[in-house]
PDB file of N, CA and C in Angstrom:
ATOM      1  N   MET A   1     -31.599 -62.734  33.679  1.00  0.00           N
ATOM      2  CA  MET A   1     -31.018 -61.902  33.516  1.00  0.00           C
ATOM      3  C   MET A   1     -31.937 -60.238  33.157  1.00  0.00           C
ATOM      4  N   ILE A   2     -33.230 -60.474  32.667  1.00  0.00           N
ATOM      5  CA  ILE A   2     -33.673 -59.563  32.852  1.00  0.00           C
ATOM      6  C   ILE A   2     -33.940 -58.752  34.117  1.00  0.00           C
ATOM      7  N   LEU A   3     -34.189 -59.090  34.740  1.00  0.00           N
ATOM      8  CA  LEU A   3     -34.496 -58.580  36.538  1.00  0.00           C
ATOM      9  C   LEU A   3     -33.351 -57.869  36.705  1.00  0.00           C
ATOM     10  N   SER A   4     -31.882 -58.514  36.317  1.00  0.00           N
ATOM     11  CA  SER A   4     -30.520 -57.817  36.679  1.00  0.00           C
ATOM     12  C   SER A   4     -30.494 -56.522  35.690  1.00  0.00           C
ATOM     13  N   PHE A   5     -30.911 -56.479  34.768  1.00  0.00           N
ATOM     14  CA  PHE A   5     -30.730 -55.398  33.652  1.00  0.00           C
ATOM     15  C   PHE A   5     -31.682 -54.255  34.282  1.00  0.00           C
ATOM     16  N   SER A   6     -33.044 -55.083  34.470  1.00  0.00           N
ATOM     17  CA  SER A   6     -34.074 -53.709  35.291  1.00  0.00           C
ATOM     18  C   SER A   6     -33.307 -53.010  36.077  1.00  0.00           C
ATOM     19  N   VAL A   7     -32.656 -54.024  37.286  1.00  0.00           N
ATOM     20  CA  VAL A   7     -32.244 -53.264  38.536  1.00  0.00           C
ATOM     21  C   VAL A   7     -31.173 -52.506  37.903  1.00  0.00           C
ATOM     22  N   VAL A   8     -30.301 -52.965  36.926  1.00  0.00           N
ATOM     23  CA  VAL A   8     -28.914 -51.772  36.712  1.00  0.00           C
ATOM     24  C   VAL A   8     -29.594 -50.398  36.164  1.00  0.00           C
ATOM     25  N   VAL A   9     -30.485 -50.639  35.240  1.00  0.00           N
ATOM     26  CA  VAL A   9     -30.837 -49.533  34.987  1.00  0.00           C
ATOM     27  C   VAL A   9     -31.765 -48.367  36.137  1.00  0.00           C
ATOM     28  N   LEU A  10     -32.460 -49.226  36.330  1.00  0.00           N
ATOM     29  CA  LEU A  10     -33.428 -48.547  37.996  1.00  0.00           C
ATOM     30  C   LEU A  10     -32.064 -47.909  39.001  1.00  0.00           C
ATOM     31  N   LEU A  11     -31.071 -48.511  39.446  1.00  0.00           N
ATOM     32  CA  LEU A  11     -30.359 -48.188  40.054  1.00  0.00           C
ATOM     33  C   LEU A  11     -29.417 -46.893  39.279  1.00  0.00           C
ATOM     34  N   GLY A  12     -28.707 -47.187  38.628  1.00  0.00           N
ATOM     35  CA  GLY A  12     -28.099 -46.378  37.735  1.00  0.00           C
ATOM     36  C   GLY A  12     -28.634 -44.892  37.557  1.00  0.00           C
ATOM     37  N   ILE A  13     -30.393 -45.082  37.456  1.00  0.00           N
ATOM     38  CA  ILE A  13     -30.601 -43.365  37.239  1.00  0.00           C
ATOM     39  C   ILE A  13     -30.922 -43.085  38.446  1.00  0.00           C
ATOM     40  N   VAL A  14     -31.101 -43.717  39.696  1.00  0.00           N
ATOM     41  CA  VAL A  14     -31.102 -43.510  41.192  1.00  0.00           C
ATOM     42  C   VAL A  14     -29.744 -42.972  41.478  1.00  0.00           C
ATOM     43  N   CYS A  15     -28.806 -43.506  41.155  1.00  0.00           N
ATOM     44  CA  CYS A  15     -27.571 -42.668  41.656  1.00  0.00           C
ATOM     45  C   CYS A  15     -27.286 -41.888  40.823  1.00  0.00           C
ATOM     46  N   PHE A  16     -27.707 -41.231  39.406  1.00  0.00           N
ATOM     47  CA  PHE A  16     -26.694 -40.459  38.855  1.00  0.00           C
ATOM     48  C   PHE A  16     -28.356 -39.198  39.385  1.00  0.00           C
ATOM     49  N   LEU A  17     -29.459 -39.443  39.868  1.00  0.00           N
ATOM     50  CA  LEU A  17     -29.995 -38.214  40.406  1.00  0.00           C
ATOM     51  C   LEU A  17     -29.215 -37.985  41.864  1.00  0.00           C
ATOM     52  N   PHE A  18     -28.750 -39.066  42.472  1.00  0.00           N
ATOM     53  CA  PHE A  18     -28.372 -38.870  43.983  1.00  0.00           C
ATOM     54  C   PHE A  18     -26.838 -37.769  43.852  1.00  0.00           C
ATOM     55  N   PHE A  19     -26.250 -38.064  42.738  1.00  0.00           N
ATOM     56  CA  PHE A  19     -25.012 -37.393  42.418  1.00  0.00           C
ATOM     57  C   PHE A  19     -25.242 -35.869  41.989  1.00  0.00           C
ATOM     58  N   LYS A  20     -26.627 -35.932  41.335  1.00  0.00           N
ATOM     59  CA  LYS A  20     -26.912 -34.330  40.553  1.00  0.00           C
ATOM     60  C   LYS A  20     -27.778 -33.519  41.801  1.00  0.00           C
ATOM     61  N   LYS A  21     -28.300 -34.065  42.515  1.00  0.00           N
ATOM     62  CA  LYS A  21     -29.158 -33.133  43.632  1.00  0.00           C
ATOM     63  C   LYS A  21     -28.351 -33.158  44.755  1.00  0.00           C
ATOM     64  N   ASP A  22     -27.850 -33.876  45.595  1.00  0.00           N
ATOM     65  CA  ASP A  22     -27.559 -33.787  46.789  1.00  0.00           C
ATOM     66  C   ASP A  22     -25.978 -34.116  47.179  1.00  0.00           C
ATOM     67  N   GLY A  23     -24.972 -34.434  46.038  1.00  0.00           N
ATOM     68  CA  GLY A  23     -23.728 -35.122  46.299  1.00  0.00           C
ATOM     69  C   GLY A  23     -23.921 -36.415  47.076  1.00  0.00           C
ATOM     70  N   LEU A  24     -22.887 -36.863  47.681  1.00  0.00           N
ATOM     71  CA  LEU A  24     -22.685 -38.335  47.292  1.00  0.00           C
ATOM     72  C   LEU A  24     -22.993 -38.533  49.140  1.00  0.00           C
ATOM     73  N   LYS A  25     -23.941 -39.235  49.876  1.00  0.00           N
ATOM     74  CA  LYS A  25     -24.097 -39.385  51.242  1.00  0.00           C
ATOM     75  C   LYS A  25     -23.908 -40.696  51.303  1.00  0.00           C
ATOM     76  N   LEU A  26     -24.178 -41.406  52.569  1.00  0.00           N
ATOM     77  CA  LEU A  26     -23.925 -42.805  52.893  1.00  0.00           C
ATOM     78  C   LEU A  26     -24.908 -43.506  52.316  1.00  0.00           C
ATOM     79  N   SER A  27     -25.960 -42.979  52.245  1.00  0.00           N
ATOM     80  CA  SER A  27     -27.201 -44.006  51.830  1.00  0.00           C
ATOM     81  C   SER A  27     -26.965 -43.957  50.175  1.00  0.00           C
ATOM     82  N   HIS A  28     -26.473 -42.943  49.436  1.00  0.00           N
ATOM     83  CA  HIS A  28     -26.154 -42.952  47.768  1.00  0.00           C
ATOM     84  C   HIS A  28     -24.916 -43.595  47.830  1.00  0.00           C
ATOM     85  N   ALA A  29     -24.190 -43.736  48.691  1.00  0.00           N
ATOM     86  CA  ALA A  29     -22.862 -44.797  48.377  1.00  0.00           C
ATOM     87  C   ALA A  29     -23.723 -46.119  48.662  1.00  0.00           C
ATOM     88  N   LEU A  30     -24.374 -46.980  49.321  1.00  0.00           N
ATOM     89  CA  LEU A  30     -24.801 -48.257  49.334  1.00  0.00           C
ATOM     90  C   LEU A  30     -25.841 -48.359  48.242  1.00  0.00           C
ATOM     91  N   VAL A  31     -26.186 -47.095  47.497  1.00  0.00           N
ATOM     92  CA  VAL A  31     -26.770 -47.503  46.426  1.00  0.00           C
ATOM     93  C   VAL A  31     -26.202 -47.695  45.487  1.00  0.00           C
ATOM     94  N   SER A  32     -25.098 -46.999  45.435  1.00  0.00           N
ATOM     95  CA  SER A  32     -24.009 -47.322  44.374  1.00  0.00           C
ATOM     96  C   SER A  32     -23.323 -48.410  44.534  1.00  0.00           C
ATOM     97  N   ALA A  33     -23.107 -49.044  45.582  1.00  0.00           N
ATOM     98  CA  ALA A  33     -22.442 -50.305  46.112  1.00  0.00           C
ATOM     99  C   ALA A  33     -23.745 -51.542  44.866  1.00  0.00           C
ATOM    100  N   LEU A  34     -24.920 -51.075  45.294  1.00  0.00           N
ATOM    101  CA  LEU A  34     -25.442 -52.247  44.763  1.00  0.00           C
ATOM    102  C   LEU A  34     -25.930 -52.133  43.455  1.00  0.00           C
ATOM    103  N   PHE A  35     -25.710 -50.634  42.943  1.00  0.00           N
ATOM    104  CA  PHE A  35     -25.346 -50.511  41.317  1.00  0.00           C
ATOM    105  C   PHE A  35     -23.896 -51.643  40.824  1.00  0.00           C
ATOM    106  N   GLY A  36     -22.968 -51.291  41.333  1.00  0.00           N
ATOM    107  CA  GLY A  36     -21.903 -52.234  40.811  1.00  0.00           C
ATOM    108  C   GLY A  36     -22.055 -53.463  41.173  1.00  0.00           C
ATOM    109  N   PHE A  37     -22.666 -54.075  42.429  1.00  0.00           N
ATOM    110  CA  PHE A  37     -22.984 -55.472  42.348  1.00  0.00           C
ATOM    111  C   PHE A  37     -23.818 -56.179  41.547  1.00  0.00           C
ATOM    112  N   TYR A  38     -24.782 -55.383  40.833  1.00  0.00           N
ATOM    113  CA  TYR A  38     -25.739 -55.924  39.801  1.00  0.00           C
ATOM    114  C   TYR A  38     -24.995 -55.635  38.297  1.00  0.00           C
ATOM    115  N   LEU A  39     -24.243 -54.576  38.316  1.00  0.00           N
ATOM    116  CA  LEU A  39     -23.786 -54.347  36.895  1.00  0.00           C
ATOM    117  C   LEU A  39     -22.533 -55.506  36.490  1.00  0.00           C
ATOM    118  N   ALA A  40     -21.988 -55.806  37.962  1.00  0.00           N
ATOM    119  CA  ALA A  40     -20.710 -57.011  37.782  1.00  0.00           C
ATOM    120  C   ALA A  40     -21.440 -58.242  37.228  1.00  0.00           C
ATOM    121  N   GLY A  41     -22.807 -58.329  37.425  1.00  0.00           N
ATOM    122  CA  GLY A  41     -23.665 -59.659  36.694  1.00  0.00           C
ATOM    123  C   GLY A  41     -24.068 -59.670  35.611  1.00  0.00           C
ATOM    124  N   THR A  42     -24.060 -58.523  34.730  1.00  0.00           N
ATOM    125  CA  THR A  42     -24.354 -58.098  33.194  1.00  0.00           C
ATOM    126  C   THR A  42     -23.178 -58.995  32.258  1.00  0.00           C
ATOM    127  N   ALA A  43     -23.920 -58.817  30.979  1.00  0.00           N
ATOM    128  CA  ALA A  43     -22.807 -58.944  30.170  1.00  0.00           C
ATOM    129  C   ALA A  43     -21.906 -57.880  29.635  1.00  0.00           C
ATOM    130  N   ILE A  44     -22.156 -56.708  30.561  1.00  0.00           N
ATOM    131  CA  ILE A  44     -21.026 -55.724  29.986  1.00  0.00           C
ATOM    132  C   ILE A  44     -19.911 -55.925  30.759  1.00  0.00           C
ATOM    133  N   ALA A  45     -19.992 -56.607  32.031  1.00  0.00           N
ATOM    134  CA  ALA A  45     -18.868 -56.864  32.884  1.00  0.00           C
ATOM    135  C   ALA A  45     -17.698 -56.877  32.468  1.00  0.00           C
ATOM    136  N   PRO A  46     -17.261 -57.970  31.835  1.00  0.00           N
ATOM    137  CA  PRO A  46     -15.880 -57.975  31.148  1.00  0.00           C
ATOM    138  C   PRO A  46     -15.482 -56.634  30.305  1.00  0.00           C
ATOM    139  N   SER A  47     -16.110 -56.424  29.815  1.00  0.00           N
ATOM    140  CA  SER A  47     -15.825 -54.782  28.842  1.00  0.00           C
ATOM    141  C   SER A  47     -15.573 -53.853  30.042  1.00  0.00           C
ATOM    142  N   ILE A  48     -16.400 -53.970  30.905  1.00  0.00           N
ATOM    143  CA  ILE A  48     -15.845 -52.723  32.126  1.00  0.00           C
ATOM    144  C   ILE A  48     -14.349 -53.006  32.564  1.00  0.00           C
ATOM    145  N   THR A  49     -14.391 -54.454  32.692  1.00  0.00           N
ATOM    146  CA  THR A  49     -12.937 -54.960  33.308  1.00  0.00           C
ATOM    147  C   THR A  49     -11.750 -54.472  32.744  1.00  0.00           C
ATOM    148  N   ALA A  50     -12.169 -54.972  31.481  1.00  0.00           N
ATOM    149  CA  ALA A  50     -10.889 -55.041  30.251  1.00  0.00           C
ATOM    150  C   ALA A  50     -10.744 -53.273  30.152  1.00  0.00           C
ATOM    151  N   GLY A  51     -11.714 -52.399  30.109  1.00  0.00           N
ATOM    152  CA  GLY A  51     -11.419 -51.372  30.197  1.00  0.00           C
ATOM    153  C   GLY A  51     -10.895 -50.409  31.583  1.00  0.00           C
ATOM    154  N   GLY A  52     -11.377 -51.126  32.439  1.00  0.00           N
ATOM    155  CA  GLY A  52     -10.635 -50.490  33.606  1.00  0.00           C
ATOM    156  C   GLY A  52      -8.822 -51.139  33.734  1.00  0.00           C
ATOM    157  N   GLN A  53      -8.884 -52.293  33.686  1.00  0.00           N
ATOM    158  CA  GLN A  53      -7.106 -52.569  33.444  1.00  0.00           C
ATOM    159  C   GLN A  53      -6.377 -51.911  32.145  1.00  0.00           C
ATOM    160  N   SER A  54      -6.877 -51.752  30.809  1.00  0.00           N
ATOM    161  CA  SER A  54      -6.329 -50.614  29.934  1.00  0.00           C
ATOM    162  C   SER A  54      -6.294 -49.296  30.696  1.00  0.00           C
ATOM    163  N   LEU A  55      -7.250 -48.794  31.510  1.00  0.00           N
ATOM    164  CA  LEU A  55      -6.898 -47.354  31.873  1.00  0.00           C
ATOM    165  C   LEU A  55      -5.767 -47.307  32.818  1.00  0.00           C
ATOM    166  N   ALA A  56      -5.492 -48.341  33.664  1.00  0.00           N
ATOM    167  CA  ALA A  56      -4.782 -48.694  34.856  1.00  0.00           C
ATOM    168  C   ALA A  56      -3.512 -48.703  34.386  1.00  0.00           C
ATOM    169  N   SER A  57      -3.137 -49.741  33.202  1.00  0.00           N
ATOM    170  CA  SER A  57      -1.930 -49.909  32.357  1.00  0.00           C
ATOM    171  C   SER A  57      -1.346 -48.601  31.666  1.00  0.00           C
ATOM    172  N   LEU A  58      -2.416 -48.017  31.225  1.00  0.00           N
ATOM    173  CA  LEU A  58      -2.124 -46.388  30.905  1.00  0.00           C
ATOM    174  C   LEU A  58      -1.525 -45.404  31.789  1.00  0.00           C
ATOM    175  N   LEU A  59      -2.187 -45.339  32.968  1.00  0.00           N
ATOM    176  CA  LEU A  59      -1.760 -44.757  33.850  1.00  0.00           C
ATOM    177  C   LEU A  59      -0.444 -44.976  34.850  1.00  0.00           C
ATOM    178  N   GLY A  60      -0.373 -46.611  35.080  1.00  0.00           N
ATOM    179  CA  GLY A  60       0.795 -47.000  35.087  1.00  0.00           C
ATOM    180  C   GLY A  60       2.257 -46.660  34.576  1.00  0.00           C
ATOM    181  N   GLY A  61       1.679 -46.674  33.268  1.00  0.00           N
ATOM    182  CA  GLY A  61       3.041 -46.058  32.332  1.00  0.00           C
ATOM    183  C   GLY A  61       3.175 -44.818  32.043  1.00  0.00           C
ATOM    184  N   ILE A  62       2.515 -44.062  32.649  1.00  0.00           N
ATOM    185  CA  ILE A  62       2.958 -42.395  32.757  1.00  0.00           C
ATOM    186  C   ILE A  62       4.327 -42.027  33.734  1.00  0.00           C
ATOM    187  N   LYS A  63       5.123 -41.594  33.131  1.00  0.00           N
ATOM    188  CA  LYS A  63       6.590 -41.416  33.989  1.00  0.00           C
ATOM    189  C   LYS A  63       6.579 -40.022  34.295  1.00  0.00           C
ATOM    190  N   PHE A  64       6.718 -39.568  35.682  1.00  0.00           N
ATOM    191  CA  PHE A  64       6.970 -37.940  35.999  1.00  0.00           C
ATOM    192  C   PHE A  64       8.493 -37.550  35.846  1.00  0.00           C
TER     193      PHE A  64
END
């Protein structure tokens, strides 16, 4: 768990720097994918999933 959390923090910082400095490139996309993979293994993953589902249902309920 400690290793996963450290990797999540490190990759999160790297992703932030990539987006801020250069925009998203292929190498940056790979780091972002790794960030998501390690984030899915942390304790916050169920909260992120629930938030995504809530957002999807909110957007699905909008009528034009």
